[in-house]
Full PDB file with SEQRES, HELIX, SHEET, SSBOND, CRYST1, ORIGX, SCALE, CONECT and MASTER records, all heavy atoms in Angstrom:
SEQRES   1 A   34  MET VAL ALA SER SER LEU GLY SER SER THR VAL ALA VAL          
SEQRES   2 A   34  GLY TRP ASP VAL GLY GLY TRP ASN CYS ASP ASN ASN THR          
SEQRES   3 A   34  LYS SER ARG ASP ALA LEU ILE VAL                              
SHEET    1 AA1 2 GLY A  14  ASP A  16  0                                        
SHEET    2 AA1 2 ALA A  31  ILE A  33 -1                                        
CRYST1    1.000    1.000    1.000  90.00  90.00  90.00 P 1           1          
ORIGX1      1.000000  0.000000  0.000000        0.00000                         
ORIGX2      0.000000  1.000000  0.000000        0.00000                         
ORIGX3      0.000000  0.000000  1.000000        0.00000                         
SCALE1      1.000000  0.000000  0.000000        0.00000                         
SCALE2      0.000000  1.000000  0.000000        0.00000                         
SCALE3      0.000000  0.000000  1.000000        0.00000                         
ATOM      1  N   MET A   1      -2.470   0.453 -17.160  1.00  0.00           N  
ATOM      2  CA  MET A   1      -3.051   1.795 -17.038  1.00  0.00           C  
ATOM      3  C   MET A   1      -3.048   2.219 -15.574  1.00  0.00           C  
ATOM      4  O   MET A   1      -3.327   1.423 -14.686  1.00  0.00           O  
ATOM      5  CB  MET A   1      -4.484   1.799 -17.575  1.00  0.00           C  
ATOM      6  CG  MET A   1      -5.191   3.137 -17.423  1.00  0.00           C  
ATOM      7  SD  MET A   1      -6.872   3.079 -18.084  1.00  0.00           S  
ATOM      8  CE  MET A   1      -7.418   4.726 -17.662  1.00  0.00           C  
ATOM      9  N   VAL A   2      -2.724   3.464 -15.315  1.00  0.00           N  
ATOM     10  CA  VAL A   2      -2.720   4.003 -13.968  1.00  0.00           C  
ATOM     11  C   VAL A   2      -3.639   5.212 -13.924  1.00  0.00           C  
ATOM     12  O   VAL A   2      -3.521   6.123 -14.744  1.00  0.00           O  
ATOM     13  CB  VAL A   2      -1.294   4.415 -13.522  1.00  0.00           C  
ATOM     14  CG1 VAL A   2      -1.342   5.010 -12.128  1.00  0.00           C  
ATOM     15  CG2 VAL A   2      -0.358   3.218 -13.557  1.00  0.00           C  
ATOM     16  N   ALA A   3      -4.572   5.230 -12.989  1.00  0.00           N  
ATOM     17  CA  ALA A   3      -5.499   6.343 -12.824  1.00  0.00           C  
ATOM     18  C   ALA A   3      -5.144   7.118 -11.571  1.00  0.00           C  
ATOM     19  O   ALA A   3      -4.580   6.578 -10.626  1.00  0.00           O  
ATOM     20  CB  ALA A   3      -6.933   5.837 -12.743  1.00  0.00           C  
ATOM     21  N   SER A   4      -5.523   8.406 -11.555  1.00  0.00           N  
ATOM     22  CA  SER A   4      -5.167   9.246 -10.409  1.00  0.00           C  
ATOM     23  C   SER A   4      -6.320   9.449  -9.442  1.00  0.00           C  
ATOM     24  O   SER A   4      -6.128   9.947  -8.341  1.00  0.00           O  
ATOM     25  CB  SER A   4      -4.670  10.612 -10.903  1.00  0.00           C  
ATOM     26  OG  SER A   4      -5.696  11.280 -11.624  1.00  0.00           O  
ATOM     27  N   SER A   5      -7.550   9.078  -9.857  1.00  0.00           N  
ATOM     28  CA  SER A   5      -8.698   9.273  -8.982  1.00  0.00           C  
ATOM     29  C   SER A   5      -9.489   7.980  -8.869  1.00  0.00           C  
ATOM     30  O   SER A   5      -9.305   7.041  -9.648  1.00  0.00           O  
ATOM     31  CB  SER A   5      -9.600  10.387  -9.519  1.00  0.00           C  
ATOM     32  OG  SER A   5     -10.075  10.067 -10.817  1.00  0.00           O  
ATOM     33  N   LEU A   6     -10.397   7.918  -7.877  1.00  0.00           N  
ATOM     34  CA  LEU A   6     -11.115   6.682  -7.601  1.00  0.00           C  
ATOM     35  C   LEU A   6     -11.993   6.289  -8.786  1.00  0.00           C  
ATOM     36  O   LEU A   6     -11.734   5.298  -9.449  1.00  0.00           O  
ATOM     37  CB  LEU A   6     -11.947   6.837  -6.331  1.00  0.00           C  
ATOM     38  CG  LEU A   6     -11.130   7.006  -5.039  1.00  0.00           C  
ATOM     39  CD1 LEU A   6     -12.052   7.151  -3.854  1.00  0.00           C  
ATOM     40  CD2 LEU A   6     -10.200   5.828  -4.830  1.00  0.00           C  
ATOM     41  N   GLY A   7     -13.052   7.009  -9.053  1.00  0.00           N  
ATOM     42  CA  GLY A   7     -13.872   6.732 -10.217  1.00  0.00           C  
ATOM     43  C   GLY A   7     -14.367   5.304 -10.298  1.00  0.00           C  
ATOM     44  O   GLY A   7     -14.540   4.756 -11.374  1.00  0.00           O  
ATOM     45  N   SER A   8     -14.604   4.660  -9.172  1.00  0.00           N  
ATOM     46  CA  SER A   8     -15.011   3.266  -9.156  1.00  0.00           C  
ATOM     47  C   SER A   8     -15.855   3.028  -7.922  1.00  0.00           C  
ATOM     48  O   SER A   8     -15.581   3.571  -6.853  1.00  0.00           O  
ATOM     49  CB  SER A   8     -13.776   2.352  -9.136  1.00  0.00           C  
ATOM     50  OG  SER A   8     -14.148   1.000  -9.007  1.00  0.00           O  
ATOM     51  N   SER A   9     -16.908   2.202  -8.056  1.00  0.00           N  
ATOM     52  CA  SER A   9     -17.756   1.935  -6.901  1.00  0.00           C  
ATOM     53  C   SER A   9     -17.122   0.935  -5.946  1.00  0.00           C  
ATOM     54  O   SER A   9     -17.531   0.829  -4.794  1.00  0.00           O  
ATOM     55  CB  SER A   9     -19.113   1.410  -7.366  1.00  0.00           C  
ATOM     56  OG  SER A   9     -18.959   0.208  -8.099  1.00  0.00           O  
ATOM     57  N   THR A  10     -16.128   0.198  -6.429  1.00  0.00           N  
ATOM     58  CA  THR A  10     -15.395  -0.747  -5.583  1.00  0.00           C  
ATOM     59  C   THR A  10     -13.906  -0.488  -5.715  1.00  0.00           C  
ATOM     60  O   THR A  10     -13.379  -0.371  -6.824  1.00  0.00           O  
ATOM     61  CB  THR A  10     -15.701  -2.196  -5.986  1.00  0.00           C  
ATOM     62  OG1 THR A  10     -17.094  -2.460  -5.804  1.00  0.00           O  
ATOM     63  CG2 THR A  10     -14.899  -3.176  -5.136  1.00  0.00           C  
ATOM     64  N   VAL A  11     -13.236  -0.397  -4.596  1.00  0.00           N  
ATOM     65  CA  VAL A  11     -11.798  -0.167  -4.576  1.00  0.00           C  
ATOM     66  C   VAL A  11     -11.149  -1.269  -3.744  1.00  0.00           C  
ATOM     67  O   VAL A  11     -11.619  -1.591  -2.653  1.00  0.00           O  
ATOM     68  CB  VAL A  11     -11.455   1.215  -3.972  1.00  0.00           C  
ATOM     69  CG1 VAL A  11      -9.948   1.407  -3.882  1.00  0.00           C  
ATOM     70  CG2 VAL A  11     -12.084   2.323  -4.807  1.00  0.00           C  
ATOM     71  N   ALA A  12     -10.093  -1.871  -4.277  1.00  0.00           N  
ATOM     72  CA  ALA A  12      -9.368  -2.938  -3.599  1.00  0.00           C  
ATOM     73  C   ALA A  12      -8.012  -2.420  -3.147  1.00  0.00           C  
ATOM     74  O   ALA A  12      -7.243  -1.877  -3.950  1.00  0.00           O  
ATOM     75  CB  ALA A  12      -9.188  -4.130  -4.530  1.00  0.00           C  
ATOM     76  N   VAL A  13      -7.723  -2.595  -1.860  1.00  0.00           N  
ATOM     77  CA  VAL A  13      -6.451  -2.151  -1.291  1.00  0.00           C  
ATOM     78  C   VAL A  13      -5.665  -3.371  -0.827  1.00  0.00           C  
ATOM     79  O   VAL A  13      -6.206  -4.251  -0.154  1.00  0.00           O  
ATOM     80  CB  VAL A  13      -6.685  -1.208  -0.092  1.00  0.00           C  
ATOM     81  CG1 VAL A  13      -5.344  -0.789   0.528  1.00  0.00           C  
ATOM     82  CG2 VAL A  13      -7.495   0.006  -0.502  1.00  0.00           C  
ATOM     83  N   GLY A  14      -4.407  -3.420  -1.197  1.00  0.00           N  
ATOM     84  CA  GLY A  14      -3.505  -4.452  -0.693  1.00  0.00           C  
ATOM     85  C   GLY A  14      -2.510  -3.836   0.263  1.00  0.00           C  
ATOM     86  O   GLY A  14      -1.879  -2.822  -0.057  1.00  0.00           O  
ATOM     87  N   TRP A  15      -2.389  -4.439   1.448  1.00  0.00           N  
ATOM     88  CA  TRP A  15      -1.465  -3.929   2.474  1.00  0.00           C  
ATOM     89  C   TRP A  15      -0.530  -5.043   2.919  1.00  0.00           C  
ATOM     90  O   TRP A  15      -0.953  -6.001   3.559  1.00  0.00           O  
ATOM     91  CB  TRP A  15      -2.261  -3.380   3.653  1.00  0.00           C  
ATOM     92  CG  TRP A  15      -1.447  -2.907   4.832  1.00  0.00           C  
ATOM     93  CD1 TRP A  15      -0.106  -2.621   4.863  1.00  0.00           C  
ATOM     94  CD2 TRP A  15      -1.919  -2.662   6.161  1.00  0.00           C  
ATOM     95  NE1 TRP A  15       0.291  -2.216   6.115  1.00  0.00           N  
ATOM     96  CE2 TRP A  15      -0.816  -2.229   6.937  1.00  0.00           C  
ATOM     97  CE3 TRP A  15      -3.175  -2.769   6.767  1.00  0.00           C  
ATOM     98  CZ2 TRP A  15      -0.931  -1.920   8.297  1.00  0.00           C  
ATOM     99  CZ3 TRP A  15      -3.291  -2.456   8.114  1.00  0.00           C  
ATOM    100  CH2 TRP A  15      -2.189  -2.031   8.870  1.00  0.00           C  
ATOM    101  N   ASP A  16       0.717  -4.933   2.526  1.00  0.00           N  
ATOM    102  CA  ASP A  16       1.759  -5.822   3.045  1.00  0.00           C  
ATOM    103  C   ASP A  16       2.321  -5.145   4.285  1.00  0.00           C  
ATOM    104  O   ASP A  16       2.837  -4.035   4.214  1.00  0.00           O  
ATOM    105  CB  ASP A  16       2.848  -6.039   1.996  1.00  0.00           C  
ATOM    106  CG  ASP A  16       3.874  -7.066   2.440  1.00  0.00           C  
ATOM    107  OD1 ASP A  16       3.477  -8.196   2.763  1.00  0.00           O  
ATOM    108  OD2 ASP A  16       5.077  -6.729   2.458  1.00  0.00           O  
ATOM    109  N   VAL A  17       2.227  -5.791   5.444  1.00  0.00           N  
ATOM    110  CA  VAL A  17       2.449  -5.125   6.726  1.00  0.00           C  
ATOM    111  C   VAL A  17       3.905  -5.214   7.168  1.00  0.00           C  
ATOM    112  O   VAL A  17       4.513  -6.283   7.164  1.00  0.00           O  
ATOM    113  CB  VAL A  17       1.537  -5.741   7.815  1.00  0.00           C  
ATOM    114  CG1 VAL A  17       1.687  -4.977   9.126  1.00  0.00           C  
ATOM    115  CG2 VAL A  17       0.085  -5.735   7.358  1.00  0.00           C  
ATOM    116  N   GLY A  18       4.447  -4.061   7.565  1.00  0.00           N  
ATOM    117  CA  GLY A  18       5.756  -4.012   8.201  1.00  0.00           C  
ATOM    118  C   GLY A  18       5.601  -3.937   9.707  1.00  0.00           C  
ATOM    119  O   GLY A  18       4.497  -3.782  10.224  1.00  0.00           O  
ATOM    120  N   GLY A  19       6.692  -4.059  10.427  1.00  0.00           N  
ATOM    121  CA  GLY A  19       6.650  -3.981  11.888  1.00  0.00           C  
ATOM    122  C   GLY A  19       6.301  -2.583  12.373  1.00  0.00           C  
ATOM    123  O   GLY A  19       6.261  -1.626  11.597  1.00  0.00           O  
ATOM    124  N   TRP A  20       6.048  -2.470  13.669  1.00  0.00           N  
ATOM    125  CA  TRP A  20       5.696  -1.169  14.241  1.00  0.00           C  
ATOM    126  C   TRP A  20       6.787  -0.130  13.995  1.00  0.00           C  
ATOM    127  O   TRP A  20       6.504   1.053  13.812  1.00  0.00           O  
ATOM    128  CB  TRP A  20       5.461  -1.306  15.745  1.00  0.00           C  
ATOM    129  CG  TRP A  20       4.147  -1.893  16.114  1.00  0.00           C  
ATOM    130  CD1 TRP A  20       3.902  -3.161  16.569  1.00  0.00           C  
ATOM    131  CD2 TRP A  20       2.875  -1.235  16.069  1.00  0.00           C  
ATOM    132  NE1 TRP A  20       2.560  -3.338  16.810  1.00  0.00           N  
ATOM    133  CE2 TRP A  20       1.900  -2.171  16.517  1.00  0.00           C  
ATOM    134  CE3 TRP A  20       2.449   0.033  15.700  1.00  0.00           C  
ATOM    135  CZ2 TRP A  20       0.550  -1.861  16.614  1.00  0.00           C  
ATOM    136  CZ3 TRP A  20       1.105   0.354  15.780  1.00  0.00           C  
ATOM    137  CH2 TRP A  20       0.164  -0.590  16.234  1.00  0.00           C  
ATOM    138  N   ASN A  21       8.045  -0.550  14.001  1.00  0.00           N  
ATOM    139  CA  ASN A  21       9.167   0.385  13.881  1.00  0.00           C  
ATOM    140  C   ASN A  21       9.985   0.080  12.630  1.00  0.00           C  
ATOM    141  O   ASN A  21      11.209  -0.068  12.687  1.00  0.00           O  
ATOM    142  CB  ASN A  21      10.047   0.306  15.128  1.00  0.00           C  
ATOM    143  CG  ASN A  21       9.265   0.593  16.394  1.00  0.00           C  
ATOM    144  OD1 ASN A  21       8.664   1.656  16.531  1.00  0.00           O  
ATOM    145  ND2 ASN A  21       9.238  -0.362  17.315  1.00  0.00           N  
ATOM    146  N   CYS A  22       9.292   0.019  11.489  1.00  0.00           N  
ATOM    147  CA  CYS A  22       9.955  -0.424  10.257  1.00  0.00           C  
ATOM    148  C   CYS A  22      10.512   0.734   9.423  1.00  0.00           C  
ATOM    149  O   CYS A  22      10.908   0.519   8.280  1.00  0.00           O  
ATOM    150  CB  CYS A  22       8.984  -1.244   9.409  1.00  0.00           C  
ATOM    151  SG  CYS A  22       7.551  -0.303   8.792  1.00  0.00           S  
ATOM    152  N   ASP A  23      10.561   1.940   9.986  1.00  0.00           N  
ATOM    153  CA  ASP A  23      10.957   3.122   9.215  1.00  0.00           C  
ATOM    154  C   ASP A  23      12.272   2.926   8.463  1.00  0.00           C  
ATOM    155  O   ASP A  23      12.399   3.348   7.309  1.00  0.00           O  
ATOM    156  CB  ASP A  23      11.095   4.341  10.131  1.00  0.00           C  
ATOM    157  CG  ASP A  23       9.844   4.583  10.948  1.00  0.00           C  
ATOM    158  OD1 ASP A  23       9.572   3.784  11.863  1.00  0.00           O  
ATOM    159  OD2 ASP A  23       9.136   5.556  10.682  1.00  0.00           O  
ATOM    160  N   ASN A  24      13.252   2.324   9.112  1.00  0.00           N  
ATOM    161  CA  ASN A  24      14.571   2.187   8.508  1.00  0.00           C  
ATOM    162  C   ASN A  24      14.916   0.748   8.152  1.00  0.00           C  
ATOM    163  O   ASN A  24      16.083   0.419   7.925  1.00  0.00           O  
ATOM    164  CB  ASN A  24      15.629   2.745   9.466  1.00  0.00           C  
ATOM    165  CG  ASN A  24      15.424   4.223   9.742  1.00  0.00           C  
ATOM    166  OD1 ASN A  24      15.220   5.015   8.829  1.00  0.00           O  
ATOM    167  ND2 ASN A  24      15.455   4.596  11.019  1.00  0.00           N  
ATOM    168  N   ASN A  25      13.893  -0.108   8.088  1.00  0.00           N  
ATOM    169  CA  ASN A  25      14.110  -1.509   7.749  1.00  0.00           C  
ATOM    170  C   ASN A  25      14.096  -1.658   6.224  1.00  0.00           C  
ATOM    171  O   ASN A  25      13.064  -1.515   5.587  1.00  0.00           O  
ATOM    172  CB  ASN A  25      13.018  -2.376   8.379  1.00  0.00           C  
ATOM    173  CG  ASN A  25      13.276  -3.861   8.218  1.00  0.00           C  
ATOM    174  OD1 ASN A  25      13.947  -4.297   7.290  1.00  0.00           O  
ATOM    175  ND2 ASN A  25      12.743  -4.644   9.142  1.00  0.00           N  
ATOM    176  N   THR A  26      15.248  -1.919   5.644  1.00  0.00           N  
ATOM    177  CA  THR A  26      15.320  -2.003   4.187  1.00  0.00           C  
ATOM    178  C   THR A  26      14.647  -3.264   3.635  1.00  0.00           C  
ATOM    179  O   THR A  26      14.253  -3.310   2.477  1.00  0.00           O  
ATOM    180  CB  THR A  26      16.782  -1.979   3.712  1.00  0.00           C  
ATOM    181  OG1 THR A  26      17.484  -3.080   4.319  1.00  0.00           O  
ATOM    182  CG2 THR A  26      17.450  -0.673   4.123  1.00  0.00           C  
ATOM    183  N   LYS A  27      14.492  -4.284   4.489  1.00  0.00           N  
ATOM    184  CA  LYS A  27      13.947  -5.561   4.019  1.00  0.00           C  
ATOM    185  C   LYS A  27      12.434  -5.638   4.119  1.00  0.00           C  
ATOM    186  O   LYS A  27      11.791  -6.318   3.319  1.00  0.00           O  
ATOM    187  CB  LYS A  27      14.572  -6.712   4.812  1.00  0.00           C  
ATOM    188  CG  LYS A  27      16.069  -6.889   4.580  1.00  0.00           C  
ATOM    189  CD  LYS A  27      16.603  -8.082   5.355  1.00  0.00           C  
ATOM    190  CE  LYS A  27      18.092  -8.288   5.083  1.00  0.00           C  
ATOM    191  NZ  LYS A  27      18.614  -9.469   5.833  1.00  0.00           N  
ATOM    192  N   SER A  28      11.837  -4.981   5.103  1.00  0.00           N  
ATOM    193  CA  SER A  28      10.398  -5.128   5.320  1.00  0.00           C  
ATOM    194  C   SER A  28       9.795  -3.837   5.852  1.00  0.00           C  
ATOM    195  O   SER A  28      10.147  -3.385   6.939  1.00  0.00           O  
ATOM    196  CB  SER A  28      10.115  -6.272   6.300  1.00  0.00           C  
ATOM    197  OG  SER A  28       8.737  -6.364   6.589  1.00  0.00           O  
ATOM    198  N   ARG A  29       8.873  -3.267   5.096  1.00  0.00           N  
ATOM    199  CA  ARG A  29       8.111  -2.095   5.511  1.00  0.00           C  
ATOM    200  C   ARG A  29       6.658  -2.277   5.081  1.00  0.00           C  
ATOM    201  O   ARG A  29       6.331  -3.195   4.334  1.00  0.00           O  
ATOM    202  CB  ARG A  29       8.673  -0.816   4.882  1.00  0.00           C  
ATOM    203  CG  ARG A  29      10.084  -0.464   5.342  1.00  0.00           C  
ATOM    204  CD  ARG A  29      10.592   0.791   4.655  1.00  0.00           C  
ATOM    205  NE  ARG A  29      11.983   1.044   4.987  1.00  0.00           N  
ATOM    206  CZ  ARG A  29      12.763   1.919   4.358  1.00  0.00           C  
ATOM    207  NH1 ARG A  29      12.256   2.623   3.350  1.00  0.00           N  
ATOM    208  NH2 ARG A  29      14.018   2.084   4.704  1.00  0.00           N  
ATOM    209  N   ASP A  30       5.788  -1.398   5.553  1.00  0.00           N  
ATOM    210  CA  ASP A  30       4.430  -1.393   5.036  1.00  0.00           C  
ATOM    211  C   ASP A  30       4.475  -1.044   3.546  1.00  0.00           C  
ATOM    212  O   ASP A  30       5.254  -0.185   3.125  1.00  0.00           O  
ATOM    213  CB  ASP A  30       3.577  -0.340   5.753  1.00  0.00           C  
ATOM    214  CG  ASP A  30       3.341  -0.673   7.208  1.00  0.00           C  
ATOM    215  OD1 ASP A  30       2.806  -1.758   7.484  1.00  0.00           O  
ATOM    216  OD2 ASP A  30       3.697   0.164   8.065  1.00  0.00           O  
ATOM    217  N   ALA A  31       3.621  -1.703   2.780  1.00  0.00           N  
ATOM    218  CA  ALA A  31       3.504  -1.389   1.356  1.00  0.00           C  
ATOM    219  C   ALA A  31       2.033  -1.405   0.984  1.00  0.00           C  
ATOM    220  O   ALA A  31       1.254  -2.222   1.487  1.00  0.00           O  
ATOM    221  CB  ALA A  31       4.288  -2.378   0.505  1.00  0.00           C  
ATOM    222  N   LEU A  32       1.640  -0.502   0.080  1.00  0.00           N  
ATOM    223  CA  LEU A  32       0.244  -0.335  -0.318  1.00  0.00           C  
ATOM    224  C   LEU A  32       0.110  -0.308  -1.836  1.00  0.00           C  
ATOM    225  O   LEU A  32       0.923   0.319  -2.524  1.00  0.00           O  
ATOM    226  CB  LEU A  32      -0.317   0.977   0.234  1.00  0.00           C  
ATOM    227  CG  LEU A  32      -0.328   1.157   1.751  1.00  0.00           C  
ATOM    228  CD1 LEU A  32      -0.641   2.613   2.100  1.00  0.00           C  
ATOM    229  CD2 LEU A  32      -1.345   0.224   2.394  1.00  0.00           C  
ATOM    230  N   ILE A  33      -0.929  -0.986  -2.312  1.00  0.00           N  
ATOM    231  CA  ILE A  33      -1.335  -0.924  -3.720  1.00  0.00           C  
ATOM    232  C   ILE A  33      -2.851  -0.762  -3.726  1.00  0.00           C  
ATOM    233  O   ILE A  33      -3.559  -1.425  -2.962  1.00  0.00           O  
ATOM    234  CB  ILE A  33      -0.951  -2.195  -4.491  1.00  0.00           C  
ATOM    235  CG1 ILE A  33       0.568  -2.358  -4.560  1.00  0.00           C  
ATOM    236  CG2 ILE A  33      -1.551  -2.185  -5.893  1.00  0.00           C  
ATOM    237  CD1 ILE A  33       1.262  -1.341  -5.433  1.00  0.00           C  
ATOM    238  N   VAL A  34      -3.367   0.075  -4.616  1.00  0.00           N  
ATOM    239  CA  VAL A  34      -4.815   0.280  -4.736  1.00  0.00           C  
ATOM    240  C   VAL A  34      -5.235  -0.003  -6.176  1.00  0.00           C  
ATOM    241  O   VAL A  34      -4.600   0.477  -7.125  1.00  0.00           O  
ATOM    242  CB  VAL A  34      -5.215   1.713  -4.339  1.00  0.00           C  
ATOM    243  CG1 VAL A  34      -6.735   1.871  -4.377  1.00  0.00           C  
ATOM    244  CG2 VAL A  34      -4.678   2.055  -2.947  1.00  0.00           C  
TER     245      VAL A  34                                                      
MASTER        0    0    0    0    2    0    0    6  244    1    0    3          
END                                                                             
């Protein structure tokens, strides 16, 4: 199930970190899941 709004008292964010200049790096960029 995917929701479009928070509707929760606790929210978990996952951040896989890319380099400072990862804009065009096909192998590694910042990624986010909530």
